[in-house]
Structures are given as structure tokens and as C-alpha cells.
Amino acid sequence: MKNDSLTHTLGEGLAEIPALDCHSHIDASHLSARGLHDVLLYHMVISDLYSAGCPNGGRLAEHPDKNEIHNRISEAIPYLKYIQNTSCYWGLKIILRDLYHWTEPISEDNWLTLDGLIKERSTDSDWPREVMRKANSRRIGTEFWRGHDGSADDILQYSLEWAFFTRTQWGQNDIPLFELEKAWNENEPSPPLPVTLESRPKLDRVIRTIDDVHNAIQHYCDRIPYERVLSTAQHFSTDINYRPVSDSEMETALSRRSDATIQDRDVYANFILEAFLTELDKHADEIVYQFSLGAEPLPYETGSKLRQETIFQLAQIFERHPQLRFQVFLSSEHASPALCTLARELPNLSFAGYWWHNFFPSTIRKVIADRLDMVAANKQIGFFSDAYTMEWAYAKAILVRKQLAEVLAQKVSQGQYSIDDSLSIARQILFVTPQSLLGMQPA
């Protein structure tokens, strides 16, 4: 059987396999797109448009008003012709064609008509679940705070994204302390700080001593709703030098917070991280420590960046906490084989999906192939969308299934798998492993 025919056969088989989407930002208050802006101006498309010359590279507000929506769409339309080559644009076309039966180029003359179609669908309470059925998706993970009143608990499960103790911000060397302080001032989990933080809210509680750090960590961990979340979502910045630090080092670093250096930042981050992981050890059977890796701040979003040293520094952290389960979202293609070697030797490290700068077809195929060759199928989750609406969760599911079919066809062609093997492996990573590794439950 030729590869094209194999790919088609496997694609048909993959379409029948249900998937569990273990990470998104879908909001229970608006599961599907509220209008064209939620589809066209998904942040990954904004990056494409910005690179093509569109003057605004920032994300839309969480709840943009009519003026912001109209201005940003009008601003973007002239640049759409320059990004038709990108895979993000392919995703946009998949959404409009499959879900809204729209195949015309978007223009100043017709975008309001398309916007109206999307708005009309958004009023249908069954529409988001219909999109899930079309994607053959059986459950979607999202941020805990986005669950709101629980109205979508039948299709959503949750991850805690609250404070990021080992995520850097440009020019803010005390940011690990501020992340913890912010949570210490809150009585329940709240939305996390943005990827690029421009201003800070004034806080009543401020960390000045090591005792404050431990009290703040205890406050944070006591408020984790372990019975309602599957994981805590964190980030390991590659700009941090990971190592154990002593109390005396932390005391010295705290004393010069107002003039903190990069080295002080690393002391703060490492001290807080170890305190956090030590507390989480008590809940190792209740929560998975999911973390993103390989993306660092740029003015609007992030770029792919990962030092080789970071990989083995993290290995030492995982080894110090053998009962905790760590799961990586990787955004650096070059680091894929190195991370796979760690997962082969560290029982408590696993993989999920293809994150941010890895979510492009050629890279997805490379990462799938690495993991299938190097890592047991019960240690890898084959998909997450990172989407903000059901429409983009649908498009990304289609894109991933297509890349998986290509990789499996190659393996069948060279005699590594049979077709039945391929579909069995695909079912494992798309549907079974999210349940066994993360505790997801099919709806």
C-alpha cells in the first residue's frame, strides 16, 4: 500500500478514535466563539498578522468591546493575504469551512456577515457540544477559574493556573516573590498574571522573611481545590539556573529585594519552588505537576528558547521528588530527543501534546515520531489544543490527527507497525493515557 493510501486509511481510522484534550483556556461563560474576533484573532493568528506588518501584536482583552473588535478586525484584514501560507491560517480555514460553511476570503465588505453567522451560532446552547462531537473530543481540560458556575462541568475538567513561581518577566528580578505575594493576598485561586506583565497591583501582604515565604506557600497549598483539579499548570523558565539554595542565601537575597539581581531572582525562584514541591509531596496522589518549557517572554508573546543545561537541572528536581508526577508541555523542537531520554529514565516524567512553538505540522510530526520511538505509549498524551474556543479546539484536533496519520503511515510503510498496531497506539495516546496519567474522564 502506497504512503498516500496508507495515510488516508489511517486518517479514516483515527477519525473514529475519541480524544481527550488535556489543556485549553476555554471559558464556561462562552464556550464557543462570540463573534469573528474569537476565531480570526486567536493569539497565534495575531502573531502571524503582526509578523506580516499588522500594527498591533497584542492580544485582545478578555471581554473586548465593540470598538476594539471592529478596529482590530479592520486592522487585520489587509494582512490576511500575506499569511495564507501559514498553518494557523489553515486552521482558520478549517473552522470557517467545516463549522460555518464559509469559503470566501474575508474582506472589509463581508466580514460583518460572517461575524453575524458566528454570533448567531453562539446563541445555540448545544453548539459547543456539537463542535466537540464533530472533533470526536470527549472531554476538555481548562483553567479552574474559567469553570465559573460549573455550568459546563459535564464537558470540562480543570487545572489550577494561579501563580507561576519559576516564570520570568523582563526586567523584574523579584517576580517569583511577587507571584507568591499576589496569591498570598487572595483567599481563593484567581486568574494568573499575563505572560508579559506591564504593571503590578498594590498588595497588603508583602514577603520580607523566610517565614513569610513558608506561610505564603502554606496559604497557597491549603487553597488548592485538590478534589476539583487534575493538575497544577506551571512554567519552568530556561533563564533560571536551577539548584538547591540555603536559608542564608535566601535571607541575603531578600534583604536586597529592591535592587535584586538576576542571581537573586534565581535564589527566590529555587527557594520557593522547593518549598512548594515539598508541600505538594503530601498530595502526590491527588495532583499532577504539569509544566510548560521552552518559551520565554517577548514584547507581546514568547519565543522558543531552551538551554541544554536546564534539561538536566530539571532532571535533578524530578529525582528529588520521586512521588510527584511531572508532565511537560514542550515548546522547543530541538529539545525533544533530550526530554525523551529523561522520560525513559525518570518514571515520574511524562509528556502531553505539542505546545505553542511546537504546534506547527512539521514540528508536530517530528515530536510525534521522537516520542513514539523513544517513550512508552502510557507516558504520553497525544493532544491538547491550548484553545480559547471550541472552534479552535476543533481545528487543532483535525491538524493533529492529520500529522499523526502521516507519521503512522511512515512507520507502517517501513514495517515497524501494522495498521492495527497504529490504531491501537493512537487510541492509547489520544484516549487511554489521558485517563491513566491525568485522571481525565470521558463525558
Protein backbone atom coordinates (compact mmCIF):
# COMPACT_ATOMS: atom_id res chain seq x y z
CA MET A 1 0.00 0.00 0.00
CA LYS A 2 1.48 3.37 -1.01
CA ASN A 3 2.02 6.04 1.64
CA ASP A 4 -0.80 8.28 0.35
CA SER A 5 -3.22 5.39 0.54
CA LEU A 6 -1.89 4.36 3.97
CA THR A 7 -2.26 7.91 5.26
CA HIS A 8 -5.85 8.04 4.01
CA THR A 9 -6.71 4.67 5.56
CA LEU A 10 -5.11 5.63 8.88
CA GLY A 11 -6.77 9.04 8.78
CA GLU A 12 -10.17 7.40 8.50
CA GLY A 13 -9.33 5.10 11.40
CA LEU A 14 -8.03 7.96 13.54
CA ALA A 15 -11.22 9.95 12.98
CA GLU A 16 -13.11 7.18 14.77
CA ILE A 17 -10.87 7.27 17.86
CA PRO A 18 -12.14 9.58 20.59
CA ALA A 19 -9.69 12.10 22.04
CA LEU A 20 -9.32 13.85 25.37
CA ASP A 21 -8.00 17.42 25.19
CA CYS A 22 -5.97 17.84 28.37
CA HIS A 23 -5.21 21.57 28.25
CA SER A 24 -7.06 24.61 26.96
CA HIS A 25 -8.27 28.03 28.07
CA ILE A 26 -11.90 27.52 27.10
CA ASP A 27 -14.26 29.51 29.28
CA ALA A 28 -17.56 28.12 30.57
CA SER A 29 -19.22 31.52 30.11
CA HIS A 30 -18.55 31.48 26.34
CA LEU A 31 -17.55 28.00 25.22
CA SER A 32 -17.71 28.84 21.53
CA ALA A 33 -16.76 31.94 19.57
CA ARG A 34 -18.79 35.04 20.41
CA GLY A 35 -18.08 36.54 17.00
CA LEU A 36 -15.48 36.60 14.26
CA HIS A 37 -12.88 38.12 16.59
CA ASP A 38 -12.72 34.92 18.68
CA VAL A 39 -11.79 32.95 15.57
CA LEU A 40 -9.82 35.37 13.42
CA LEU A 41 -7.90 37.00 16.26
CA TYR A 42 -6.85 33.93 18.19
CA HIS A 43 -3.48 34.94 19.62
CA MET A 44 -1.47 32.58 17.38
CA VAL A 45 -3.06 34.17 14.31
CA ILE A 46 -2.35 37.63 15.74
CA SER A 47 1.34 36.70 15.85
CA ASP A 48 1.22 35.76 12.15
CA LEU A 49 -0.54 39.02 11.29
CA TYR A 50 1.90 41.08 13.37
CA SER A 51 4.84 39.46 11.61
CA ALA A 52 3.25 40.38 8.26
CA GLY A 53 3.05 44.05 9.20
CA CYS A 54 -0.24 44.42 11.08
CA PRO A 55 0.42 47.28 13.51
CA ASN A 56 -0.95 45.64 16.67
CA GLY A 57 0.56 42.44 18.05
CA GLY A 58 -1.20 42.45 21.42
CA ARG A 59 -3.91 40.05 22.48
CA LEU A 60 -7.50 41.22 22.61
CA ALA A 61 -8.97 41.98 26.00
CA GLU A 62 -10.71 39.07 27.73
CA HIS A 63 -14.02 40.84 27.04
CA PRO A 64 -13.37 43.27 24.16
CA ASP A 65 -15.92 45.97 23.44
CA LYS A 66 -17.42 46.68 20.02
CA ASN A 67 -14.88 49.38 19.18
CA GLU A 68 -11.91 47.17 19.98
CA ILE A 69 -13.37 44.30 17.95
CA HIS A 70 -14.14 46.44 14.89
CA ASN A 71 -10.82 48.27 14.97
CA ARG A 72 -8.75 45.12 15.35
CA ILE A 73 -10.58 43.17 12.62
CA SER A 74 -10.39 46.09 10.19
CA GLU A 75 -6.71 46.46 11.02
CA ALA A 76 -6.06 42.75 10.39
CA ILE A 77 -7.95 42.18 7.13
CA PRO A 78 -5.39 43.82 4.77
CA TYR A 79 -2.71 41.45 6.07
CA LEU A 80 -4.61 38.18 5.73
CA LYS A 81 -3.34 37.72 2.17
CA TYR A 82 0.21 37.55 3.49
CA ILE A 83 -0.40 34.74 5.98
CA GLN A 84 -2.32 32.30 3.77
CA ASN A 85 0.81 30.11 3.72
CA THR A 86 0.79 29.53 7.49
CA SER A 87 -0.66 26.58 9.35
CA CYS A 88 -2.57 28.94 11.66
CA TYR A 89 -4.39 30.26 8.58
CA TRP A 90 -5.07 26.64 7.61
CA GLY A 91 -6.71 26.18 11.00
CA LEU A 92 -8.78 29.30 10.40
CA LYS A 93 -9.94 27.92 7.03
CA ILE A 94 -10.84 24.57 8.61
CA ILE A 95 -13.03 26.33 11.17
CA LEU A 96 -14.83 28.53 8.68
CA ARG A 97 -15.31 25.76 6.10
CA ASP A 98 -16.31 22.88 8.37
CA LEU A 99 -18.26 24.70 11.05
CA TYR A 100 -19.68 27.76 9.29
CA HIS A 101 -19.70 26.62 5.63
CA TRP A 102 -17.77 29.75 4.69
CA THR A 103 -15.15 29.56 1.93
CA GLU A 104 -14.88 33.16 0.70
CA PRO A 105 -11.82 35.28 1.51
CA ILE A 106 -12.57 37.57 4.45
CA SER A 107 -12.83 41.19 3.35
CA GLU A 108 -13.98 44.57 4.60
CA ASP A 109 -17.15 44.04 2.56
CA ASN A 110 -18.18 40.68 4.02
CA TRP A 111 -16.71 40.27 7.49
CA LEU A 112 -19.79 41.61 9.25
CA THR A 113 -21.89 38.94 7.52
CA LEU A 114 -19.51 36.24 8.74
CA ASP A 115 -19.47 37.82 12.19
CA GLY A 116 -23.24 37.60 12.24
CA LEU A 117 -23.19 33.89 11.39
CA ILE A 118 -20.80 33.17 14.24
CA LYS A 119 -22.76 35.32 16.69
CA GLU A 120 -25.98 33.53 15.74
CA ARG A 121 -24.42 30.12 16.39
CA SER A 122 -23.13 31.32 19.76
CA THR A 123 -26.72 31.71 20.97
CA ASP A 124 -27.35 27.97 20.49
CA SER A 125 -26.53 26.32 23.82
CA ASP A 126 -25.89 22.97 22.12
CA TRP A 127 -23.44 24.37 19.57
CA PRO A 128 -20.25 23.98 21.64
CA ARG A 129 -21.10 20.36 22.36
CA GLU A 130 -21.89 19.79 18.69
CA VAL A 131 -18.43 21.11 17.79
CA MET A 132 -16.93 18.70 20.32
CA ARG A 133 -18.84 15.84 18.72
CA LYS A 134 -17.54 16.84 15.30
CA ALA A 135 -14.00 16.76 16.68
CA ASN A 136 -14.69 13.43 18.40
CA SER A 137 -13.49 15.01 21.63
CA ARG A 138 -14.87 13.55 24.84
CA ARG A 139 -13.57 15.99 27.47
CA ILE A 140 -11.54 19.20 27.60
CA GLY A 141 -9.26 20.46 30.34
CA THR A 142 -9.17 24.17 31.12
CA GLU A 143 -8.15 26.66 33.81
CA PHE A 144 -10.00 26.19 37.09
CA TRP A 145 -11.21 29.78 37.32
CA ARG A 146 -12.77 29.50 33.86
CA GLY A 147 -15.26 26.95 35.17
CA HIS A 148 -17.22 29.80 36.80
CA ASP A 149 -20.62 28.47 37.95
CA GLY A 150 -20.00 24.85 36.91
CA SER A 151 -22.45 25.04 34.02
CA ALA A 152 -20.01 23.23 31.71
CA ASP A 153 -18.69 20.67 34.18
CA ASP A 154 -20.19 17.93 32.00
CA ILE A 155 -17.55 18.60 29.34
CA LEU A 156 -14.77 20.45 31.18
CA GLN A 157 -12.21 19.31 33.72
CA TYR A 158 -9.78 21.62 35.42
CA SER A 159 -6.18 22.55 36.02
CA LEU A 160 -5.01 25.14 38.53
CA GLU A 161 -3.24 28.08 36.86
CA TRP A 162 -2.77 30.58 39.64
CA ALA A 163 0.84 31.57 40.40
CA PHE A 164 3.95 30.76 38.35
CA PHE A 165 6.90 30.65 40.73
CA THR A 166 9.58 29.86 38.13
CA ARG A 167 8.41 32.06 35.25
CA THR A 168 10.46 35.16 34.47
CA GLN A 169 9.37 38.61 33.32
CA TRP A 170 11.58 41.13 31.54
CA GLY A 171 13.42 43.40 33.97
CA GLN A 172 11.52 42.16 37.05
CA ASN A 173 14.03 40.24 39.13
CA ASP A 174 11.77 39.85 42.16
CA ILE A 175 8.93 38.34 40.10
CA PRO A 176 8.95 34.93 41.90
CA LEU A 177 8.25 36.77 45.16
CA PHE A 178 5.53 38.90 43.60
CA GLU A 179 3.77 35.85 42.09
CA LEU A 180 3.67 34.27 45.54
CA GLU A 181 2.65 37.51 47.25
CA LYS A 182 -0.26 38.00 44.91
CA ALA A 183 -1.63 34.55 45.79
CA TRP A 184 -0.96 35.19 49.50
CA ASN A 185 -3.29 38.20 49.25
CA GLU A 186 -6.12 36.12 47.73
CA ASN A 187 -8.48 33.79 49.52
CA GLU A 188 -9.15 31.59 46.51
CA PRO A 189 -7.49 30.82 43.17
CA SER A 190 -7.69 33.67 40.69
CA PRO A 191 -6.61 34.21 37.06
CA PRO A 192 -2.83 34.15 36.63
CA LEU A 193 -0.71 37.12 35.74
CA PRO A 194 -0.23 37.65 31.99
CA VAL A 195 2.76 36.28 30.08
CA THR A 196 4.09 39.83 29.75
CA LEU A 197 3.37 41.87 32.90
CA GLU A 198 3.37 45.65 32.50
CA SER A 199 2.07 46.87 35.87
CA ARG A 200 1.56 45.41 39.32
CA PRO A 201 -1.39 45.76 41.67
CA LYS A 202 -0.65 47.10 45.15
CA LEU A 203 -0.67 44.32 47.77
CA ASP A 204 -1.31 44.38 51.52
CA ARG A 205 0.81 41.34 52.39
CA VAL A 206 4.45 41.58 51.33
CA ILE A 207 7.14 38.92 51.69
CA ARG A 208 10.05 40.09 53.81
CA THR A 209 11.32 36.97 55.58
CA ILE A 210 11.75 33.25 55.05
CA ASP A 211 8.86 32.67 57.46
CA ASP A 212 6.70 34.81 55.17
CA VAL A 213 7.66 32.57 52.25
CA HIS A 214 6.65 29.42 54.11
CA ASN A 215 3.42 31.00 55.36
CA ALA A 216 2.54 32.13 51.84
CA ILE A 217 3.26 28.67 50.39
CA GLN A 218 1.10 27.08 53.08
CA HIS A 219 -1.68 29.56 52.31
CA TYR A 220 -1.41 28.72 48.61
CA CYS A 221 -1.38 24.94 49.03
CA ASP A 222 -4.23 24.99 51.56
CA ARG A 223 -6.41 26.68 48.93
CA ILE A 224 -5.73 24.26 46.11
CA PRO A 225 -9.07 22.51 45.42
CA TYR A 226 -7.48 19.05 45.08
CA GLU A 227 -10.85 17.38 44.68
CA ARG A 228 -11.73 19.57 41.67
CA VAL A 229 -8.46 19.90 39.73
CA LEU A 230 -6.41 17.27 37.95
CA SER A 231 -3.20 19.25 37.85
CA THR A 232 -1.36 22.44 38.61
CA ALA A 233 -0.07 24.14 35.47
CA GLN A 234 3.32 25.80 35.93
CA HIS A 235 6.23 27.04 33.81
CA PHE A 236 9.97 26.43 34.10
CA SER A 237 11.87 29.35 32.62
CA THR A 238 15.11 28.33 30.96
CA ASP A 239 16.61 31.67 32.05
CA ILE A 240 16.67 30.46 35.67
CA ASN A 241 19.67 28.49 36.91
CA TYR A 242 18.07 25.65 38.91
CA ARG A 243 19.90 24.47 42.03
CA PRO A 244 19.27 23.96 45.74
CA VAL A 245 19.68 27.18 47.78
CA SER A 246 20.18 27.59 51.50
CA ASP A 247 18.21 29.62 54.04
CA SER A 248 21.16 32.01 54.40
CA GLU A 249 21.27 32.61 50.64
CA MET A 250 17.55 33.34 50.65
CA GLU A 251 17.84 35.71 53.61
CA THR A 252 20.60 37.65 51.88
CA ALA A 253 18.64 37.82 48.61
CA LEU A 254 15.51 39.01 50.45
CA SER A 255 17.47 41.79 52.14
CA ARG A 256 18.31 43.36 48.77
CA ARG A 257 15.00 42.84 47.03
CA SER A 258 14.71 46.48 45.96
CA ASP A 259 17.94 46.07 43.97
CA ALA A 260 17.57 42.38 43.14
CA THR A 261 19.89 40.92 40.53
CA ILE A 262 19.28 38.04 38.15
CA GLN A 263 21.14 35.84 40.61
CA ASP A 264 18.77 36.95 43.39
CA ARG A 265 15.81 36.14 41.13
CA ASP A 266 17.15 32.62 40.76
CA VAL A 267 17.54 32.29 44.53
CA TYR A 268 13.92 33.40 45.07
CA ALA A 269 12.63 31.03 42.39
CA ASN A 270 14.57 27.99 43.63
CA PHE A 271 13.72 28.52 47.29
CA ILE A 272 10.00 28.98 46.59
CA LEU A 273 9.94 26.05 44.15
CA GLU A 274 11.48 23.64 46.64
CA ALA A 275 9.10 24.77 49.38
CA PHE A 276 6.16 24.34 47.00
CA LEU A 277 7.20 20.88 45.81
CA THR A 278 7.87 19.72 49.37
CA GLU A 279 4.34 20.70 50.33
CA LEU A 280 2.89 19.10 47.18
CA ASP A 281 4.68 15.85 48.04
CA LYS A 282 1.93 15.39 50.66
CA HIS A 283 -0.63 15.37 47.82
CA ALA A 284 1.34 13.40 45.24
CA ASP A 285 -1.53 11.01 44.56
CA GLU A 286 -4.03 13.87 44.13
CA ILE A 287 -2.43 16.22 41.61
CA VAL A 288 -0.12 16.20 38.59
CA TYR A 289 2.56 18.87 38.20
CA GLN A 290 2.12 19.93 34.57
CA PHE A 291 4.67 22.43 33.33
CA SER A 292 5.47 24.29 30.14
CA LEU A 293 9.04 24.54 28.92
CA GLY A 294 10.89 26.22 26.08
CA ALA A 295 9.08 29.56 25.65
CA GLU A 296 10.30 32.88 27.05
CA PRO A 297 8.76 36.39 27.00
CA LEU A 298 8.96 38.75 24.05
CA PRO A 299 7.15 42.11 23.89
CA TYR A 300 3.74 40.59 23.08
CA GLU A 301 4.03 36.82 23.32
CA THR A 302 7.03 34.46 23.63
CA GLY A 303 9.81 32.97 21.57
CA SER A 304 11.13 29.41 21.57
CA LYS A 305 14.16 29.20 23.86
CA LEU A 306 15.66 26.36 25.89
CA ARG A 307 19.20 25.93 27.22
CA GLN A 308 20.55 22.38 27.30
CA GLU A 309 21.64 22.87 30.92
CA THR A 310 18.05 23.43 32.00
CA ILE A 311 17.01 19.93 30.95
CA PHE A 312 19.39 18.19 33.32
CA GLN A 313 18.83 20.69 36.11
CA LEU A 314 15.13 19.80 35.94
CA ALA A 315 16.03 16.09 35.99
CA GLN A 316 17.59 16.63 39.41
CA ILE A 317 14.39 18.30 40.64
CA PHE A 318 12.26 15.40 39.41
CA GLU A 319 14.62 12.91 41.04
CA ARG A 320 14.40 14.75 44.40
CA HIS A 321 10.61 14.38 44.34
CA PRO A 322 10.05 10.85 43.04
CA GLN A 323 6.46 10.58 44.27
CA LEU A 324 5.29 13.68 42.39
CA ARG A 325 4.17 13.21 38.80
CA PHE A 326 5.62 15.75 36.38
CA GLN A 327 4.21 16.27 32.89
CA VAL A 328 5.85 18.52 30.30
CA PHE A 329 4.36 20.75 27.60
CA LEU A 330 7.37 21.29 25.34
CA SER A 331 7.79 24.30 23.04
CA SER A 332 11.28 23.60 21.69
CA GLU A 333 11.71 21.11 18.87
CA HIS A 334 15.47 20.72 19.30
CA ALA A 335 14.99 19.55 22.89
CA SER A 336 12.56 16.77 22.02
CA PRO A 337 15.06 13.85 21.97
CA ALA A 338 16.77 15.07 25.15
CA LEU A 339 13.46 15.23 27.03
CA CYS A 340 12.58 11.78 25.71
CA THR A 341 15.78 10.38 27.21
CA LEU A 342 14.73 11.79 30.59
CA ALA A 343 11.27 10.24 30.35
CA ARG A 344 12.93 6.88 29.62
CA GLU A 345 14.93 7.08 32.85
CA LEU A 346 12.62 9.00 35.19
CA PRO A 347 9.38 7.14 35.95
CA ASN A 348 7.67 10.31 37.19
CA LEU A 349 8.10 12.32 33.95
CA SER A 350 5.60 12.17 31.09
CA PHE A 351 4.57 14.20 28.02
CA ALA A 352 1.46 15.99 26.83
CA GLY A 353 0.81 17.32 23.35
CA TYR A 354 2.69 19.91 21.31
CA TRP A 355 2.81 23.31 22.95
CA TRP A 356 2.89 26.78 21.38
CA HIS A 357 6.00 26.96 19.16
CA ASN A 358 5.80 23.21 18.59
CA PHE A 359 2.25 23.45 17.27
CA PHE A 360 3.11 23.53 13.58
CA PRO A 361 2.66 20.48 11.33
CA SER A 362 6.30 19.74 10.51
CA THR A 363 7.30 20.08 14.16
CA ILE A 364 4.33 18.05 15.40
CA ARG A 365 5.36 15.20 13.09
CA LYS A 366 8.95 15.33 14.37
CA VAL A 367 7.89 15.33 18.02
CA ILE A 368 5.34 12.52 17.50
CA ALA A 369 7.99 10.40 15.79
CA ASP A 370 10.55 11.02 18.55
CA ARG A 371 8.11 10.08 21.29
CA LEU A 372 6.70 7.02 19.55
CA ASP A 373 10.22 5.69 19.00
CA MET A 374 11.59 6.54 22.44
CA VAL A 375 8.83 6.66 25.07
CA ALA A 376 6.20 4.14 26.20
CA ALA A 377 2.71 4.98 24.97
CA ASN A 378 1.33 5.09 28.51
CA LYS A 379 3.67 8.02 29.29
CA GLN A 380 2.48 10.35 26.53
CA ILE A 381 -0.77 12.21 25.93
CA GLY A 382 -1.22 12.76 22.21
CA PHE A 383 -3.17 16.01 22.12
CA PHE A 384 -4.09 19.24 23.76
CA SER A 385 -5.44 22.27 21.95
CA ASP A 386 -4.42 25.27 24.09
CA ALA A 387 -7.53 26.80 22.50
CA TYR A 388 -9.74 29.58 23.82
CA THR A 389 -12.88 28.46 21.97
CA MET A 390 -14.35 25.15 20.85
CA GLU A 391 -13.78 26.19 17.24
CA TRP A 392 -10.01 26.31 17.68
CA ALA A 393 -10.07 23.08 19.73
CA TYR A 394 -11.79 21.51 16.70
CA ALA A 395 -9.27 22.87 14.16
CA LYS A 396 -6.29 21.78 16.22
CA ALA A 397 -7.75 18.30 16.68
CA ILE A 398 -8.04 18.00 12.90
CA LEU A 399 -4.47 19.22 12.40
CA VAL A 400 -3.01 16.79 14.93
CA ARG A 401 -4.91 13.78 13.59
CA LYS A 402 -3.58 14.59 10.10
CA GLN A 403 0.02 14.72 11.36
CA LEU A 404 -0.41 11.54 13.38
CA ALA A 405 -1.72 9.75 10.29
CA GLU A 406 1.37 10.86 8.32
CA VAL A 407 3.77 9.59 10.99
CA LEU A 408 1.96 6.28 11.45
CA ALA A 409 1.84 5.72 7.68
CA GLN A 410 5.61 6.05 7.52
CA LYS A 411 6.02 3.52 10.32
CA VAL A 412 3.66 1.06 8.63
CA SER A 413 5.48 1.57 5.32
CA GLN A 414 8.83 0.65 6.84
CA GLY A 415 7.39 -2.39 8.63
CA GLN A 416 7.60 -1.03 12.18
CA TYR A 417 3.83 -1.14 12.83
CA SER A 418 0.86 -2.82 11.25
CA ILE A 419 -2.27 -0.76 10.61
CA ASP A 420 -3.92 -2.40 13.60
CA ASP A 421 -0.85 -1.59 15.75
CA SER A 422 -1.01 2.02 14.62
CA LEU A 423 -4.65 2.48 15.55
CA SER A 424 -4.14 0.75 18.88
CA ILE A 425 -1.21 3.04 19.72
CA ALA A 426 -3.19 6.09 18.61
CA ARG A 427 -6.10 5.11 20.84
CA GLN A 428 -3.70 4.72 23.74
CA ILE A 429 -2.16 8.19 23.46
CA LEU A 430 -5.33 10.06 22.43
CA PHE A 431 -7.84 8.47 24.78
CA VAL A 432 -6.45 5.97 27.28
CA THR A 433 -3.29 7.68 28.58
CA PRO A 434 -5.08 10.96 29.47
CA GLN A 435 -7.23 8.87 31.77
CA SER A 436 -4.49 6.79 33.35
CA LEU A 437 -1.86 9.55 33.66
CA LEU A 438 -4.03 12.55 34.40
CA GLY A 439 -7.36 11.19 35.59
CA MET A 440 -9.45 12.65 32.78
CA GLN A 441 -12.92 11.15 32.48
CA PRO A 442 -14.74 10.83 29.14
CA ALA A 443 -18.00 12.75 29.06
